[in-house]
Amino acid sequence: MPHRTLTHSARCRTHLLFLFISRCFGAVVLLLSQGICFAQEAADPAKKEEGVMVRMLCVQSLSTKEEETMLATKKEDGTWFEHTAVTLRTPFISEWIRLPHGTIHLTNKEEEPVRSLGSFVVPEKPKRLIVVLLPDTKKNGYQMQVIDPENLGFQKGKALIINYGKVRAAVRIGERTVTVNPGQQVVEKIDANQDGMYRLLIGHLDDNQKIVPCYDRFVSSNANTRKFILLFPDQQLGLRAMSLSEFGPFE
């Protein structure tokens, strides 16, 4: 069989076809490699996120305006690792923030050098924590109280009463009355009437164990919220009350 020699035009067509196939093959290889890379970087749905969900409750800000702060961890070399910014105001309940285990500082974001305004420890066991910020004017910072809602049974439809005062308090929620000693925290169920209202009466006990009221009003109930009732010392009334409702999620 005679040997055939390709013409110039045939050789050109063959060369162009080879280039086209090579480029297509290269593109396919690139897409496959990118797909493998993306698959490796994709989050594993079975892997649990580390840390604890934390919500900040600011009773009173040190500033008369909004206060820009940062939640941060202090590293061994003295520098700060910033987690998230928090804008404080009076009163204020933040969204849920995921924070790592260990000591977390609330730092002044707008001042130099960076200064800790207070700190709290995030333990490993709780799923969610509430941190109550109380102003400390002497130290120009905050005292922080960490609350584990699950441990207290503080769920929606309930009230958490904390007595920061120096006298015994009596709190009536609907038809129930509970006594709360200084420094004590109590969780009570909220029983509303048919109209979705309940009486919230707060006062301190005198020497005859009678209630001297400082707060008395009817409050509307929301079964999808839980309520903070915070009691503070007051020179004239004996106690001053702050009532705040918190919306979910709680789980």
Protein backbone atom coordinates (compact mmCIF):
# COMPACT_ATOMS: atom_id res chain seq x y z
CA MET A 1 0.00 0.00 0.00
CA PRO A 2 1.56 3.32 -1.04
CA HIS A 3 2.58 5.76 1.70
CA ARG A 4 0.51 8.95 1.73
CA THR A 5 1.96 12.32 2.65
CA LEU A 6 -0.31 14.91 4.33
CA THR A 7 -0.76 18.13 2.48
CA HIS A 8 0.04 21.46 4.13
CA SER A 9 -3.65 22.26 4.73
CA ALA A 10 -4.25 18.83 6.28
CA ARG A 11 -1.32 19.26 8.61
CA CYS A 12 -2.68 22.64 9.70
CA ARG A 13 -6.11 21.17 10.44
CA THR A 14 -4.53 18.35 12.44
CA HIS A 15 -2.46 20.81 14.44
CA LEU A 16 -5.48 23.00 15.23
CA LEU A 17 -7.51 19.96 16.31
CA PHE A 18 -4.68 18.87 18.60
CA LEU A 19 -4.53 22.34 20.20
CA PHE A 20 -8.31 22.37 20.71
CA ILE A 21 -8.32 18.93 22.38
CA SER A 22 -5.35 19.88 24.59
CA ARG A 23 -7.02 23.06 25.79
CA CYS A 24 -10.32 21.29 26.51
CA PHE A 25 -8.49 18.57 28.43
CA GLY A 26 -6.61 21.21 30.43
CA ALA A 27 -9.84 23.01 31.30
CA VAL A 28 -11.46 19.76 32.46
CA VAL A 29 -8.43 18.96 34.63
CA LEU A 30 -8.56 22.51 36.12
CA LEU A 31 -12.28 22.22 36.93
CA LEU A 32 -11.79 18.81 38.49
CA SER A 33 -8.91 20.05 40.63
CA GLN A 34 -10.94 23.06 41.78
CA GLY A 35 -13.88 20.80 42.59
CA ILE A 36 -11.63 18.56 44.68
CA CYS A 37 -10.21 21.65 46.44
CA PHE A 38 -13.69 23.04 47.20
CA ALA A 39 -14.80 19.63 48.47
CA GLN A 40 -11.87 19.56 50.84
CA GLU A 41 -12.59 23.09 52.11
CA ALA A 42 -16.35 22.56 52.58
CA ALA A 43 -17.51 22.47 56.20
CA ASP A 44 -18.27 19.09 57.64
CA PRO A 45 -21.94 19.17 58.72
CA ALA A 46 -21.26 16.50 61.33
CA LYS A 47 -18.49 18.55 62.94
CA LYS A 48 -19.67 20.55 65.96
CA GLU A 49 -18.71 24.21 66.26
CA GLU A 50 -16.43 24.88 69.19
CA GLY A 51 -17.13 27.37 71.96
CA VAL A 52 -20.24 28.54 73.78
CA MET A 53 -23.08 30.83 72.73
CA VAL A 54 -23.03 33.92 74.98
CA ARG A 55 -25.50 36.77 75.33
CA MET A 56 -24.51 40.06 77.02
CA LEU A 57 -26.98 41.92 79.24
CA CYS A 58 -25.87 45.48 80.03
CA VAL A 59 -27.74 47.00 82.97
CA GLN A 60 -26.22 50.46 82.56
CA SER A 61 -23.46 51.65 80.27
CA LEU A 62 -20.58 53.71 81.65
CA SER A 63 -21.15 56.17 78.82
CA THR A 64 -24.15 58.44 78.28
CA LYS A 65 -23.98 57.54 74.59
CA GLU A 66 -23.40 54.25 72.78
CA GLU A 67 -20.16 52.64 73.95
CA GLU A 68 -18.05 50.79 71.38
CA THR A 69 -16.36 47.77 72.96
CA MET A 70 -14.65 44.57 71.81
CA LEU A 71 -14.73 41.04 73.21
CA ALA A 72 -11.15 39.77 73.07
CA THR A 73 -8.68 37.23 74.44
CA LYS A 74 -5.32 38.38 75.80
CA LYS A 75 -2.47 36.35 74.32
CA GLU A 76 0.74 35.32 76.11
CA ASP A 77 2.73 38.08 74.41
CA GLY A 78 0.35 40.73 75.81
CA THR A 79 -1.43 41.46 72.52
CA TRP A 80 -5.15 41.03 71.97
CA PHE A 81 -7.05 38.59 69.76
CA GLU A 82 -10.36 40.24 68.88
CA HIS A 83 -13.51 38.12 68.62
CA THR A 84 -16.38 40.51 67.97
CA ALA A 85 -17.44 44.11 68.56
CA VAL A 86 -20.28 44.94 70.96
CA THR A 87 -22.03 48.31 71.16
CA LEU A 88 -23.28 48.89 74.71
CA ARG A 89 -26.17 51.11 75.74
CA THR A 90 -28.63 51.36 78.63
CA PRO A 91 -30.26 48.85 78.90
CA PHE A 92 -29.09 46.36 76.30
CA ILE A 93 -29.36 42.64 75.47
CA SER A 94 -27.07 41.45 72.69
CA GLU A 95 -27.59 38.76 70.09
CA TRP A 96 -26.04 35.35 70.74
CA ILE A 97 -22.27 35.42 70.23
CA ARG A 98 -20.10 32.32 69.88
CA LEU A 99 -17.02 32.62 72.08
CA PRO A 100 -14.18 30.19 72.82
CA HIS A 101 -13.57 28.60 76.19
CA GLY A 102 -11.34 30.51 78.60
CA THR A 103 -11.07 34.07 79.88
CA ILE A 104 -12.81 36.69 77.74
CA HIS A 105 -12.21 40.42 78.23
CA LEU A 106 -14.46 43.32 77.35
CA THR A 107 -12.06 45.95 76.03
CA ASN A 108 -12.34 49.62 75.15
CA LYS A 109 -12.37 49.72 71.35
CA GLU A 110 -11.88 53.46 70.83
CA GLU A 111 -9.03 54.13 73.27
CA GLU A 112 -5.29 53.59 73.21
CA PRO A 113 -3.78 51.62 74.75
CA VAL A 114 -6.38 48.84 74.83
CA ARG A 115 -7.70 48.34 78.36
CA SER A 116 -9.80 45.58 79.87
CA LEU A 117 -13.12 46.85 81.22
CA GLY A 118 -13.82 43.51 82.88
CA SER A 119 -13.57 39.80 82.20
CA PHE A 120 -15.44 36.54 82.60
CA VAL A 121 -14.63 32.86 82.12
CA VAL A 122 -16.39 30.72 79.51
CA PRO A 123 -16.43 27.13 80.84
CA GLU A 124 -16.63 24.06 78.61
CA LYS A 125 -19.88 22.39 79.68
CA PRO A 126 -22.72 24.94 79.18
CA LYS A 127 -24.31 25.34 75.76
CA ARG A 128 -25.39 28.93 76.40
CA LEU A 129 -24.45 31.59 78.93
CA ILE A 130 -25.77 35.01 79.89
CA VAL A 131 -23.29 37.61 81.15
CA VAL A 132 -24.77 40.46 83.21
CA LEU A 133 -22.71 43.68 83.08
CA LEU A 134 -22.89 45.92 86.14
CA PRO A 135 -21.13 49.31 86.00
CA ASP A 136 -18.21 49.82 88.40
CA THR A 137 -17.61 53.56 88.46
CA LYS A 138 -14.69 53.29 90.91
CA LYS A 139 -12.69 51.11 88.51
CA ASN A 140 -14.22 52.64 85.38
CA GLY A 141 -15.20 49.20 84.20
CA TYR A 142 -17.78 46.47 84.68
CA GLN A 143 -18.47 43.71 87.14
CA MET A 144 -19.62 40.61 85.29
CA GLN A 145 -21.90 37.85 86.49
CA VAL A 146 -22.07 34.65 84.44
CA ILE A 147 -25.44 32.86 84.44
CA ASP A 148 -26.08 29.33 83.16
CA PRO A 149 -29.79 29.36 82.17
CA GLU A 150 -29.99 25.60 81.69
CA ASN A 151 -28.60 24.93 85.16
CA LEU A 152 -31.17 27.32 86.71
CA GLY A 153 -34.08 26.01 84.64
CA PHE A 154 -34.52 29.51 83.24
CA GLN A 155 -36.73 28.86 80.20
CA LYS A 156 -39.31 30.78 78.21
CA GLY A 157 -42.37 31.62 80.24
CA LYS A 158 -40.28 32.12 83.39
CA ALA A 159 -38.68 35.02 85.25
CA LEU A 160 -35.18 35.20 86.73
CA ILE A 161 -35.07 37.42 89.83
CA ILE A 162 -31.65 38.63 91.02
CA ASN A 163 -31.36 40.72 94.17
CA TYR A 164 -28.31 43.03 94.02
CA GLY A 165 -29.67 45.05 96.93
CA LYS A 166 -28.92 44.91 100.65
CA VAL A 167 -32.44 44.14 101.92
CA ARG A 168 -34.76 41.16 101.58
CA ALA A 169 -37.07 41.54 98.62
CA ALA A 170 -40.58 40.27 98.03
CA VAL A 171 -41.67 39.74 94.43
CA ARG A 172 -45.22 38.89 93.45
CA ILE A 173 -45.72 37.47 89.96
CA GLY A 174 -49.40 36.91 89.32
CA GLU A 175 -50.71 34.99 92.33
CA ARG A 176 -47.29 33.86 93.59
CA THR A 177 -45.06 35.73 96.00
CA VAL A 178 -41.42 34.79 96.52
CA THR A 179 -38.84 36.15 98.97
CA VAL A 180 -35.37 36.86 97.54
CA ASN A 181 -32.45 37.49 99.89
CA PRO A 182 -29.55 39.85 99.03
CA GLY A 183 -27.26 38.17 96.52
CA GLN A 184 -29.80 35.45 95.76
CA GLN A 185 -31.24 34.53 92.36
CA VAL A 186 -34.58 32.76 91.95
CA VAL A 187 -36.47 31.44 88.92
CA GLU A 188 -40.26 31.65 88.99
CA LYS A 189 -42.93 30.63 86.50
CA ILE A 190 -45.07 33.44 85.07
CA ASP A 191 -48.79 32.68 85.41
CA ALA A 192 -50.87 35.14 83.44
CA ASN A 193 -54.64 35.56 83.62
CA GLN A 194 -57.12 34.93 80.78
CA ASP A 195 -56.30 38.33 79.30
CA GLY A 196 -52.58 37.53 79.13
CA MET A 197 -51.75 39.93 81.97
CA TYR A 198 -50.22 39.48 85.41
CA ARG A 199 -49.46 41.66 88.39
CA LEU A 200 -45.79 42.38 89.08
CA LEU A 201 -45.37 43.73 92.60
CA ILE A 202 -41.86 44.31 93.94
CA GLY A 203 -40.83 45.64 97.32
CA HIS A 204 -38.72 45.01 100.39
CA LEU A 205 -39.80 43.51 103.69
CA ASP A 206 -40.00 45.77 106.74
CA ASP A 207 -39.44 44.69 110.36
CA ASN A 208 -42.98 43.31 110.49
CA GLN A 209 -42.40 41.26 107.31
CA LYS A 210 -44.81 43.44 105.36
CA ILE A 211 -44.11 44.43 101.78
CA VAL A 212 -43.07 48.04 101.21
CA PRO A 213 -43.73 48.36 97.45
CA CYS A 214 -41.38 50.10 95.05
CA TYR A 215 -42.84 48.71 91.81
CA ASP A 216 -46.46 47.72 91.20
CA ARG A 217 -48.09 47.34 87.82
CA PHE A 218 -49.89 44.93 85.53
CA VAL A 219 -47.68 43.49 82.80
CA SER A 220 -48.57 41.72 79.56
CA SER A 221 -47.26 38.18 79.21
CA ASN A 222 -45.52 36.64 76.19
CA ALA A 223 -45.13 32.87 76.40
CA ASN A 224 -42.25 32.99 73.89
CA THR A 225 -40.05 35.21 76.08
CA ARG A 226 -38.37 34.98 79.45
CA LYS A 227 -37.99 37.90 81.83
CA PHE A 228 -35.16 39.34 83.91
CA ILE A 229 -36.18 41.09 87.12
CA LEU A 230 -33.11 42.82 88.54
CA LEU A 231 -33.24 44.50 91.96
CA PHE A 232 -30.82 47.25 93.03
CA PRO A 233 -30.38 49.28 96.23
CA ASP A 234 -32.18 52.59 96.47
CA GLN A 235 -31.72 55.09 99.32
CA GLN A 236 -35.30 56.35 99.24
CA LEU A 237 -37.35 53.28 98.27
CA GLY A 238 -35.05 50.57 99.59
CA LEU A 239 -35.05 48.81 96.22
CA ARG A 240 -35.11 49.80 92.58
CA ALA A 241 -36.37 47.32 89.99
CA MET A 242 -35.45 46.78 86.35
CA SER A 243 -37.53 44.45 84.20
CA LEU A 244 -36.27 43.22 80.83
CA SER A 245 -37.80 40.70 78.40
CA GLU A 246 -35.53 38.40 76.40
CA PHE A 247 -36.53 36.85 73.07
CA GLY A 248 -35.22 33.52 71.77
CA PRO A 249 -33.78 31.34 70.53
CA PHE A 250 -33.09 29.75 73.89
CA GLU A 251 -31.95 26.28 72.80
